[in-house]
Amino acid sequence: MTVAKSLLNGVVSVLVLTVLSGCSSTPSSSPERIQQALETPVTSENEEYVLGPTDVVQVSVWRNEDLSIAVPVRPDGKISVPLVGDVQASGRSPQQLADSIETQLAQYIREPQVSIVVTSMGSNEFVNRVRVTGAVQQPTSVPYREGMTVLDMVLGSGGVTPFAAQNETRLYRVHEGDVVAIPVRLGDILSDGDITTNYSLRPGDIISVPERSF
């Protein structure tokens, strides 16, 4: 799960750009992949945090205040540490980052002890957002909250436009490193009260409502 989570930031970034560029007509994924994606539980809050770009970390070196520093994770996934220079941070847990810095500092000081505190979780906030785009009144991106559904997001965006192909809506979800396209019968939800496809959402989900072809 840690490997998948370390890749999630990049996958979500690509997914956002792809959907916004007009992949709303993408065919649905296979029934097997759809079922697997729908059964994926929400990531446990107790899972170890994985660092990513825009996070800010406090690097503390015991008895070496001059080497302690608060620094953001750069877009290339690295941070700069006194004596050591650039260190890969993105994709690592705080403890893994601390271990890496300790190993490199050992060339300069005796038995270094490094601790890492994440003071700003910018990358986590980006990855965990839920988005709706396409033929809606107001494309929307909001932080994930437990219990959110497709209908919640559509209503929060002001509803669909008169040109929406409601029953061709897709829910895009990252599952095991792949993007799964899940069909949503949005017209049935809004007009008939059929909530069969009013799926519960997961962090990083994107709902795309296409326009009708004339």
Foldseek 3Di string as FASTA:
>chain_A
DLQLVLCLLVLLVVVVVVVVVPCLQPDADDPVVQVVQLPDDADDPPDFDFAAFQWWKWKDKPPCRVFTDIFTQHNVQWTQTPPQGTDHRRSHGQVVSQVVVQVSCVVPDPRIGIGMDTPGRPSVQVQQWEWEDEQAQATDIDGDDFPDWPVNRQVVRVHGHPFWPQQSKWKWDQDPNDTGTHGAHRCCCVPVVPCPRRGGDYGSIYIYIYGDDD
